[in-house]
PDB file of all heavy atoms in Angstrom:
ATOM      1  N   LEU A   1      17.103   7.815  -5.948  1.00  0.00           N
ATOM      2  CA  LEU A   1      16.615   8.400  -4.770  1.00  0.00           C
ATOM      3  C   LEU A   1      15.326   9.186  -5.243  1.00  0.00           C
ATOM      4  O   LEU A   1      15.320   9.956  -6.173  1.00  0.00           O
ATOM      5  CB  LEU A   1      17.633   9.508  -4.231  1.00  0.00           C
ATOM      6  CG  LEU A   1      17.090  10.447  -3.144  1.00  0.00           C
ATOM      7  CD1 LEU A   1      16.527   9.785  -1.906  1.00  0.00           C
ATOM      8  CD2 LEU A   1      18.169  11.472  -2.736  1.00  0.00           C
ATOM      9  N   VAL A   2      14.203   8.845  -4.489  1.00  0.00           N
ATOM     10  CA  VAL A   2      12.928   9.519  -4.858  1.00  0.00           C
ATOM     11  C   VAL A   2      12.593  10.433  -3.647  1.00  0.00           C
ATOM     12  O   VAL A   2      12.470   9.977  -2.603  1.00  0.00           O
ATOM     13  CB  VAL A   2      11.844   8.445  -5.033  1.00  0.00           C
ATOM     14  CG1 VAL A   2      10.532   9.170  -5.397  1.00  0.00           C
ATOM     15  CG2 VAL A   2      12.190   7.442  -6.111  1.00  0.00           C
ATOM     16  N   PHE A   3      12.497  11.786  -3.993  1.00  0.00           N
ATOM     17  CA  PHE A   3      12.205  12.759  -2.993  1.00  0.00           C
ATOM     18  C   PHE A   3      10.726  13.155  -3.122  1.00  0.00           C
ATOM     19  O   PHE A   3      10.421  13.708  -4.180  1.00  0.00           O
ATOM     20  CB  PHE A   3      13.138  13.919  -3.077  1.00  0.00           C
ATOM     21  CG  PHE A   3      12.970  14.985  -2.004  1.00  0.00           C
ATOM     22  CD1 PHE A   3      12.936  14.635  -0.695  1.00  0.00           C
ATOM     23  CD2 PHE A   3      12.750  16.319  -2.385  1.00  0.00           C
ATOM     24  CE1 PHE A   3      12.760  15.670   0.263  1.00  0.00           C
ATOM     25  CE2 PHE A   3      12.645  17.305  -1.427  1.00  0.00           C
ATOM     26  CZ  PHE A   3      12.546  16.961  -0.114  1.00  0.00           C
ATOM     27  N   ILE A   4       9.924  12.908  -2.077  1.00  0.00           N
ATOM     28  CA  ILE A   4       8.546  13.157  -2.156  1.00  0.00           C
ATOM     29  C   ILE A   4       8.235  14.261  -1.121  1.00  0.00           C
ATOM     30  O   ILE A   4       8.313  14.062   0.084  1.00  0.00           O
ATOM     31  CB  ILE A   4       7.759  11.955  -1.875  1.00  0.00           C
ATOM     32  CG1 ILE A   4       8.182  10.775  -2.791  1.00  0.00           C
ATOM     33  CG2 ILE A   4       6.232  12.106  -2.017  1.00  0.00           C
ATOM     34  CD1 ILE A   4       7.618   9.369  -2.384  1.00  0.00           C
ATOM     35  N   ASP A   5       7.839  15.436  -1.583  1.00  0.00           N
ATOM     36  CA  ASP A   5       7.637  16.608  -0.836  1.00  0.00           C
ATOM     37  C   ASP A   5       6.364  17.331  -1.121  1.00  0.00           C
ATOM     38  O   ASP A   5       6.346  18.398  -1.670  1.00  0.00           O
ATOM     39  CB  ASP A   5       8.870  17.563  -0.957  1.00  0.00           C
ATOM     40  CG  ASP A   5       8.747  18.740  -0.038  1.00  0.00           C
ATOM     41  OD1 ASP A   5       8.010  18.774   0.887  1.00  0.00           O
ATOM     42  OD2 ASP A   5       9.527  19.746  -0.342  1.00  0.00           O
ATOM     43  N   PRO A   6       5.188  16.736  -0.789  1.00  0.00           N
ATOM     44  CA  PRO A   6       3.927  17.284  -1.216  1.00  0.00           C
ATOM     45  C   PRO A   6       3.606  18.501  -0.368  1.00  0.00           C
ATOM     46  O   PRO A   6       4.093  18.726   0.790  1.00  0.00           O
ATOM     47  CB  PRO A   6       2.912  16.090  -0.848  1.00  0.00           C
ATOM     48  CG  PRO A   6       3.755  14.955  -0.504  1.00  0.00           C
ATOM     49  CD  PRO A   6       5.065  15.433  -0.029  1.00  0.00           C
ATOM     50  N   PRO A   7       2.686  19.329  -0.917  1.00  0.00           N
ATOM     51  CA  PRO A   7       2.298  20.552  -0.152  1.00  0.00           C
ATOM     52  C   PRO A   7       1.272  20.243   0.958  1.00  0.00           C
ATOM     53  O   PRO A   7       0.971  21.099   1.762  1.00  0.00           O
ATOM     54  CB  PRO A   7       1.610  21.419  -1.160  1.00  0.00           C
ATOM     55  CG  PRO A   7       1.136  20.490  -2.281  1.00  0.00           C
ATOM     56  CD  PRO A   7       2.220  19.341  -2.300  1.00  0.00           C
ATOM     57  N   PHE A   8       0.757  19.029   0.977  1.00  0.00           N
ATOM     58  CA  PHE A   8      -0.219  18.603   1.976  1.00  0.00           C
ATOM     59  C   PHE A   8      -1.453  19.527   1.975  1.00  0.00           C
ATOM     60  O   PHE A   8      -1.966  19.970   3.061  1.00  0.00           O
ATOM     61  CB  PHE A   8       0.429  18.544   3.408  1.00  0.00           C
ATOM     62  CG  PHE A   8       1.171  17.199   3.599  1.00  0.00           C
ATOM     63  CD1 PHE A   8       2.455  17.066   3.146  1.00  0.00           C
ATOM     64  CD2 PHE A   8       0.498  16.130   4.130  1.00  0.00           C
ATOM     65  CE1 PHE A   8       3.147  15.894   3.322  1.00  0.00           C
ATOM     66  CE2 PHE A   8       1.168  14.952   4.321  1.00  0.00           C
ATOM     67  CZ  PHE A   8       2.483  14.775   3.885  1.00  0.00           C
ATOM     68  N   GLU A   9      -1.945  19.833   0.798  1.00  0.00           N
ATOM     69  CA  GLU A   9      -3.195  20.574   0.672  1.00  0.00           C
ATOM     70  C   GLU A   9      -4.405  19.611   0.793  1.00  0.00           C
ATOM     71  O   GLU A   9      -5.459  19.922   1.252  1.00  0.00           O
ATOM     72  CB  GLU A   9      -3.288  21.234  -0.682  1.00  0.00           C
ATOM     73  CG  GLU A   9      -2.462  22.480  -0.797  1.00  0.00           C
ATOM     74  CD  GLU A   9      -2.666  23.224  -2.060  1.00  0.00           C
ATOM     75  OE1 GLU A   9      -2.504  22.636  -3.137  1.00  0.00           O
ATOM     76  OE2 GLU A   9      -3.114  24.403  -1.984  1.00  0.00           O
ATOM     77  N   ASN A  10      -4.208  18.379   0.403  1.00  0.00           N
ATOM     78  CA  ASN A  10      -5.228  17.336   0.453  1.00  0.00           C
ATOM     79  C   ASN A  10      -5.360  16.785   1.818  1.00  0.00           C
ATOM     80  O   ASN A  10      -4.367  16.460   2.510  1.00  0.00           O
ATOM     81  CB  ASN A  10      -4.976  16.155  -0.534  1.00  0.00           C
ATOM     82  CG  ASN A  10      -4.963  16.706  -1.973  1.00  0.00           C
ATOM     83  OD1 ASN A  10      -5.726  17.504  -2.380  1.00  0.00           O
ATOM     84  ND2 ASN A  10      -3.846  16.196  -2.761  1.00  0.00           N
ATOM     85  N   THR A  11      -6.597  16.682   2.338  1.00  0.00           N
ATOM     86  CA  THR A  11      -6.785  16.091   3.652  1.00  0.00           C
ATOM     87  C   THR A  11      -6.425  14.613   3.701  1.00  0.00           C
ATOM     88  O   THR A  11      -6.139  14.074   4.798  1.00  0.00           O
ATOM     89  CB  THR A  11      -8.194  16.302   4.131  1.00  0.00           C
ATOM     90  OG1 THR A  11      -9.070  15.689   3.136  1.00  0.00           O
ATOM     91  CG2 THR A  11      -8.543  17.749   4.242  1.00  0.00           C
ATOM     92  N   ASP A  12      -6.372  13.957   2.594  1.00  0.00           N
ATOM     93  CA  ASP A  12      -6.025  12.527   2.500  1.00  0.00           C
ATOM     94  C   ASP A  12      -4.654  12.297   2.048  1.00  0.00           C
ATOM     95  O   ASP A  12      -4.347  11.242   1.466  1.00  0.00           O
ATOM     96  CB  ASP A  12      -7.079  11.733   1.681  1.00  0.00           C
ATOM     97  CG  ASP A  12      -7.045  12.234   0.161  1.00  0.00           C
ATOM     98  OD1 ASP A  12      -6.509  13.371  -0.053  1.00  0.00           O
ATOM     99  OD2 ASP A  12      -7.564  11.507  -0.705  1.00  0.00           O
ATOM    100  N   GLU A  13      -3.741  13.259   2.189  1.00  0.00           N
ATOM    101  CA  GLU A  13      -2.363  13.154   1.654  1.00  0.00           C
ATOM    102  C   GLU A  13      -1.593  11.924   2.201  1.00  0.00           C
ATOM    103  O   GLU A  13      -0.876  11.252   1.502  1.00  0.00           O
ATOM    104  CB  GLU A  13      -1.575  14.427   1.984  1.00  0.00           C
ATOM    105  CG  GLU A  13      -0.320  14.556   1.033  1.00  0.00           C
ATOM    106  CD  GLU A  13      -0.645  14.888  -0.339  1.00  0.00           C
ATOM    107  OE1 GLU A  13      -1.281  15.916  -0.594  1.00  0.00           O
ATOM    108  OE2 GLU A  13      -0.251  14.121  -1.276  1.00  0.00           O
ATOM    109  N   PHE A  14      -1.817  11.688   3.479  1.00  0.00           N
ATOM    110  CA  PHE A  14      -1.141  10.459   4.025  1.00  0.00           C
ATOM    111  C   PHE A  14      -1.537   9.195   3.348  1.00  0.00           C
ATOM    112  O   PHE A  14      -0.751   8.283   3.135  1.00  0.00           O
ATOM    113  CB  PHE A  14      -1.326  10.416   5.554  1.00  0.00           C
ATOM    114  CG  PHE A  14      -0.428  11.344   6.361  1.00  0.00           C
ATOM    115  CD1 PHE A  14      -0.963  12.287   7.213  1.00  0.00           C
ATOM    116  CD2 PHE A  14       0.941  11.364   6.190  1.00  0.00           C
ATOM    117  CE1 PHE A  14      -0.213  13.172   7.973  1.00  0.00           C
ATOM    118  CE2 PHE A  14       1.732  12.207   6.945  1.00  0.00           C
ATOM    119  CZ  PHE A  14       1.204  13.117   7.817  1.00  0.00           C
ATOM    120  N   ALA A  15      -2.850   9.113   3.139  1.00  0.00           N
ATOM    121  CA  ALA A  15      -3.337   7.934   2.458  1.00  0.00           C
ATOM    122  C   ALA A  15      -2.858   7.800   1.074  1.00  0.00           C
ATOM    123  O   ALA A  15      -2.456   6.759   0.628  1.00  0.00           O
ATOM    124  CB  ALA A  15      -4.907   7.929   2.463  1.00  0.00           C
ATOM    125  N   LEU A  16      -2.772   8.957   0.354  1.00  0.00           N
ATOM    126  CA  LEU A  16      -2.207   8.953  -1.040  1.00  0.00           C
ATOM    127  C   LEU A  16      -0.714   8.520  -0.975  1.00  0.00           C
ATOM    128  O   LEU A  16      -0.267   7.743  -1.810  1.00  0.00           O
ATOM    129  CB  LEU A  16      -2.390  10.376  -1.640  1.00  0.00           C
ATOM    130  CG  LEU A  16      -3.714  10.797  -2.065  1.00  0.00           C
ATOM    131  CD1 LEU A  16      -3.741  12.273  -2.455  1.00  0.00           C
ATOM    132  CD2 LEU A  16      -4.194   9.967  -3.236  1.00  0.00           C
ATOM    133  N   LEU A  17      -0.013   9.021  -0.012  1.00  0.00           N
ATOM    134  CA  LEU A  17       1.430   8.691   0.099  1.00  0.00           C
ATOM    135  C   LEU A  17       1.547   7.189   0.241  1.00  0.00           C
ATOM    136  O   LEU A  17       2.429   6.527  -0.384  1.00  0.00           O
ATOM    137  CB  LEU A  17       1.993   9.348   1.336  1.00  0.00           C
ATOM    138  CG  LEU A  17       2.606  10.742   1.087  1.00  0.00           C
ATOM    139  CD1 LEU A  17       2.972  11.372   2.452  1.00  0.00           C
ATOM    140  CD2 LEU A  17       3.937  10.673   0.278  1.00  0.00           C
ATOM    141  N   LEU A  18       0.855   6.602   1.208  1.00  0.00           N
ATOM    142  CA  LEU A  18       0.976   5.199   1.442  1.00  0.00           C
ATOM    143  C   LEU A  18       0.623   4.374   0.179  1.00  0.00           C
ATOM    144  O   LEU A  18       1.284   3.420  -0.171  1.00  0.00           O
ATOM    145  CB  LEU A  18       0.087   4.751   2.594  1.00  0.00           C
ATOM    146  CG  LEU A  18       0.169   3.319   3.021  1.00  0.00           C
ATOM    147  CD1 LEU A  18       1.588   2.872   3.341  1.00  0.00           C
ATOM    148  CD2 LEU A  18      -0.760   3.005   4.242  1.00  0.00           C
ATOM    149  N   GLN A  19      -0.500   4.749  -0.459  1.00  0.00           N
ATOM    150  CA  GLN A  19      -0.992   3.962  -1.666  1.00  0.00           C
ATOM    151  C   GLN A  19       0.149   4.030  -2.764  1.00  0.00           C
ATOM    152  O   GLN A  19       0.479   2.951  -3.288  1.00  0.00           O
ATOM    153  CB  GLN A  19      -2.198   4.628  -2.144  1.00  0.00           C
ATOM    154  CG  GLN A  19      -2.708   4.109  -3.499  1.00  0.00           C
ATOM    155  CD  GLN A  19      -3.892   4.864  -4.077  1.00  0.00           C
ATOM    156  OE1 GLN A  19      -4.483   5.699  -3.403  1.00  0.00           O
ATOM    157  NE2 GLN A  19      -4.091   4.683  -5.298  1.00  0.00           N
ATOM    158  N   HIS A  20       0.704   5.137  -3.045  1.00  0.00           N
ATOM    159  CA  HIS A  20       1.672   5.322  -4.090  1.00  0.00           C
ATOM    160  C   HIS A  20       3.056   4.790  -3.715  1.00  0.00           C
ATOM    161  O   HIS A  20       3.823   4.362  -4.595  1.00  0.00           O
ATOM    162  CB  HIS A  20       1.684   6.714  -4.604  1.00  0.00           C
ATOM    163  CG  HIS A  20       0.455   7.126  -5.334  1.00  0.00           C
ATOM    164  ND1 HIS A  20       0.149   6.729  -6.609  1.00  0.00           N
ATOM    165  CD2 HIS A  20      -0.649   7.863  -4.877  1.00  0.00           C
ATOM    166  CE1 HIS A  20      -1.050   7.193  -6.969  1.00  0.00           C
ATOM    167  NE2 HIS A  20      -1.547   7.860  -5.991  1.00  0.00           N
ATOM    168  N   LEU A  21       3.335   4.856  -2.463  1.00  0.00           N
ATOM    169  CA  LEU A  21       4.584   4.241  -1.987  1.00  0.00           C
ATOM    170  C   LEU A  21       4.601   2.752  -2.222  1.00  0.00           C
ATOM    171  O   LEU A  21       5.562   2.150  -2.690  1.00  0.00           O
ATOM    172  CB  LEU A  21       4.839   4.532  -0.510  1.00  0.00           C
ATOM    173  CG  LEU A  21       5.583   5.797  -0.186  1.00  0.00           C
ATOM    174  CD1 LEU A  21       5.548   6.002   1.358  1.00  0.00           C
ATOM    175  CD2 LEU A  21       6.975   5.836  -0.691  1.00  0.00           C
ATOM    176  N   GLN A  22       3.457   2.085  -1.924  1.00  0.00           N
ATOM    177  CA  GLN A  22       3.344   0.661  -2.099  1.00  0.00           C
ATOM    178  C   GLN A  22       3.500   0.292  -3.581  1.00  0.00           C
ATOM    179  O   GLN A  22       4.193  -0.687  -3.960  1.00  0.00           O
ATOM    180  CB  GLN A  22       2.063   0.174  -1.540  1.00  0.00           C
ATOM    181  CG  GLN A  22       1.970   0.223  -0.024  1.00  0.00           C
ATOM    182  CD  GLN A  22       0.615  -0.202   0.569  1.00  0.00           C
ATOM    183  OE1 GLN A  22      -0.379   0.437   0.162  1.00  0.00           O
ATOM    184  NE2 GLN A  22       0.610  -1.214   1.342  1.00  0.00           N
ATOM    185  N   LEU A  23       2.907   1.024  -4.416  1.00  0.00           N
ATOM    186  CA  LEU A  23       3.011   0.791  -5.893  1.00  0.00           C
ATOM    187  C   LEU A  23       4.431   1.085  -6.448  1.00  0.00           C
ATOM    188  O   LEU A  23       4.923   0.267  -7.171  1.00  0.00           O
ATOM    189  CB  LEU A  23       1.987   1.718  -6.682  1.00  0.00           C
ATOM    190  CG  LEU A  23       0.495   1.418  -6.400  1.00  0.00           C
ATOM    191  CD1 LEU A  23      -0.296   2.587  -7.074  1.00  0.00           C
ATOM    192  CD2 LEU A  23       0.119   0.049  -6.977  1.00  0.00           C
ATOM    193  N   ALA A  24       5.034   2.136  -5.910  1.00  0.00           N
ATOM    194  CA  ALA A  24       6.372   2.467  -6.298  1.00  0.00           C
ATOM    195  C   ALA A  24       7.364   1.326  -5.818  1.00  0.00           C
ATOM    196  O   ALA A  24       8.225   0.952  -6.689  1.00  0.00           O
ATOM    197  CB  ALA A  24       6.823   3.836  -5.815  1.00  0.00           C
ATOM    198  N   LEU A  25       7.254   0.826  -4.699  1.00  0.00           N
ATOM    199  CA  LEU A  25       8.115  -0.181  -4.167  1.00  0.00           C
ATOM    200  C   LEU A  25       7.941  -1.464  -4.913  1.00  0.00           C
ATOM    201  O   LEU A  25       8.837  -2.320  -5.039  1.00  0.00           O
ATOM    202  CB  LEU A  25       7.916  -0.371  -2.693  1.00  0.00           C
ATOM    203  CG  LEU A  25       8.536   0.761  -1.844  1.00  0.00           C
ATOM    204  CD1 LEU A  25       7.953   0.779  -0.439  1.00  0.00           C
ATOM    205  CD2 LEU A  25      10.010   0.567  -1.777  1.00  0.00           C
ATOM    206  N   GLN A  26       6.785  -1.753  -5.524  1.00  0.00           N
ATOM    207  CA  GLN A  26       6.560  -2.916  -6.292  1.00  0.00           C
ATOM    208  C   GLN A  26       7.397  -2.822  -7.632  1.00  0.00           C
ATOM    209  O   GLN A  26       7.927  -3.811  -8.137  1.00  0.00           O
ATOM    210  CB  GLN A  26       5.071  -3.116  -6.636  1.00  0.00           C
ATOM    211  CG  GLN A  26       4.192  -3.481  -5.488  1.00  0.00           C
ATOM    212  CD  GLN A  26       2.725  -3.487  -5.837  1.00  0.00           C
ATOM    213  OE1 GLN A  26       2.366  -3.474  -7.022  1.00  0.00           O
ATOM    214  NE2 GLN A  26       1.849  -3.651  -4.861  1.00  0.00           N
ATOM    215  N   ARG A  27       7.598  -1.615  -8.085  1.00  0.00           N
ATOM    216  CA  ARG A  27       8.338  -1.419  -9.298  1.00  0.00           C
ATOM    217  C   ARG A  27       9.831  -1.204  -9.050  1.00  0.00           C
ATOM    218  O   ARG A  27      10.663  -1.543  -9.843  1.00  0.00           O
ATOM    219  CB  ARG A  27       7.811  -0.206 -10.045  1.00  0.00           C
ATOM    220  CG  ARG A  27       6.359  -0.151 -10.344  1.00  0.00           C
ATOM    221  CD  ARG A  27       5.806   1.150 -10.908  1.00  0.00           C
ATOM    222  NE  ARG A  27       6.445   1.489 -12.155  1.00  0.00           N
ATOM    223  CZ  ARG A  27       5.940   1.018 -13.402  1.00  0.00           C
ATOM    224  NH1 ARG A  27       4.837   0.296 -13.359  1.00  0.00           N
ATOM    225  NH2 ARG A  27       6.539   1.294 -14.468  1.00  0.00           N
ATOM    226  N   PHE A  28      10.159  -0.627  -7.888  1.00  0.00           N
ATOM    227  CA  PHE A  28      11.587  -0.266  -7.593  1.00  0.00           C
ATOM    228  C   PHE A  28      11.778  -0.490  -6.105  1.00  0.00           C
ATOM    229  O   PHE A  28      11.856   0.468  -5.324  1.00  0.00           O
ATOM    230  CB  PHE A  28      11.784   1.191  -8.021  1.00  0.00           C
ATOM    231  CG  PHE A  28      13.229   1.684  -7.929  1.00  0.00           C
ATOM    232  CD1 PHE A  28      14.272   0.791  -8.257  1.00  0.00           C
ATOM    233  CD2 PHE A  28      13.465   2.897  -7.506  1.00  0.00           C
ATOM    234  CE1 PHE A  28      15.614   1.291  -8.138  1.00  0.00           C
ATOM    235  CE2 PHE A  28      14.761   3.406  -7.378  1.00  0.00           C
ATOM    236  CZ  PHE A  28      15.854   2.555  -7.766  1.00  0.00           C
ATOM    237  N   SER A  29      11.934  -1.743  -5.737  1.00  0.00           N
ATOM    238  CA  SER A  29      12.001  -2.111  -4.319  1.00  0.00           C
ATOM    239  C   SER A  29      13.290  -1.659  -3.655  1.00  0.00           C
ATOM    240  O   SER A  29      13.388  -1.499  -2.442  1.00  0.00           O
ATOM    241  CB  SER A  29      11.816  -3.607  -4.114  1.00  0.00           C
ATOM    242  OG  SER A  29      12.826  -4.356  -4.754  1.00  0.00           O
ATOM    243  N   SER A  30      14.407  -1.540  -4.423  1.00  0.00           N
ATOM    244  CA  SER A  30      15.718  -1.245  -3.871  1.00  0.00           C
ATOM    245  C   SER A  30      15.944   0.275  -3.787  1.00  0.00           C
ATOM    246  O   SER A  30      17.035   0.741  -3.312  1.00  0.00           O
ATOM    247  CB  SER A  30      16.762  -1.865  -4.714  1.00  0.00           C
ATOM    248  OG  SER A  30      16.787  -1.398  -5.988  1.00  0.00           O
ATOM    249  N   GLY A  31      15.064   1.121  -4.263  1.00  0.00           N
ATOM    250  CA  GLY A  31      15.272   2.556  -4.327  1.00  0.00           C
ATOM    251  C   GLY A  31      15.224   3.159  -2.913  1.00  0.00           C
ATOM    252  O   GLY A  31      14.696   2.589  -1.943  1.00  0.00           O
ATOM    253  N   VAL A  32      15.945   4.283  -2.795  1.00  0.00           N
ATOM    254  CA  VAL A  32      15.893   5.107  -1.552  1.00  0.00           C
ATOM    255  C   VAL A  32      14.793   6.107  -1.725  1.00  0.00           C
ATOM    256  O   VAL A  32      14.719   6.870  -2.713  1.00  0.00           O
ATOM    257  CB  VAL A  32      17.159   5.776  -1.302  1.00  0.00           C
ATOM    258  CG1 VAL A  32      17.099   6.618  -0.055  1.00  0.00           C
ATOM    259  CG2 VAL A  32      18.367   4.804  -1.172  1.00  0.00           C
ATOM    260  N   TYR A  33      13.790   6.143  -0.753  1.00  0.00           N
ATOM    261  CA  TYR A  33      12.767   7.044  -0.791  1.00  0.00           C
ATOM    262  C   TYR A  33      12.773   7.972   0.445  1.00  0.00           C
ATOM    263  O   TYR A  33      12.910   7.475   1.611  1.00  0.00           O
ATOM    264  CB  TYR A  33      11.380   6.310  -0.725  1.00  0.00           C
ATOM    265  CG  TYR A  33      11.102   5.411  -2.021  1.00  0.00           C
ATOM    266  CD1 TYR A  33      11.747   4.178  -2.080  1.00  0.00           C
ATOM    267  CD2 TYR A  33      10.285   5.811  -3.024  1.00  0.00           C
ATOM    268  CE1 TYR A  33      11.515   3.394  -3.203  1.00  0.00           C
ATOM    269  CE2 TYR A  33      10.078   4.998  -4.066  1.00  0.00           C
ATOM    270  CZ  TYR A  33      10.674   3.800  -4.216  1.00  0.00           C
ATOM    271  OH  TYR A  33      10.442   2.958  -5.302  1.00  0.00           O
TER     272      TYR A  33
END
C-alpha cells in the first residue's frame, strides 16, 4: 500500500502526482495506491 499525502505547496502538484503515479505503476502495477 502506497500512501501519498503531499502538502500541495507546489502549484503543479497534480501534474507531479500523475507523472510519478504512471512511473510507479510501471514498476508495481498490482499495488494499492
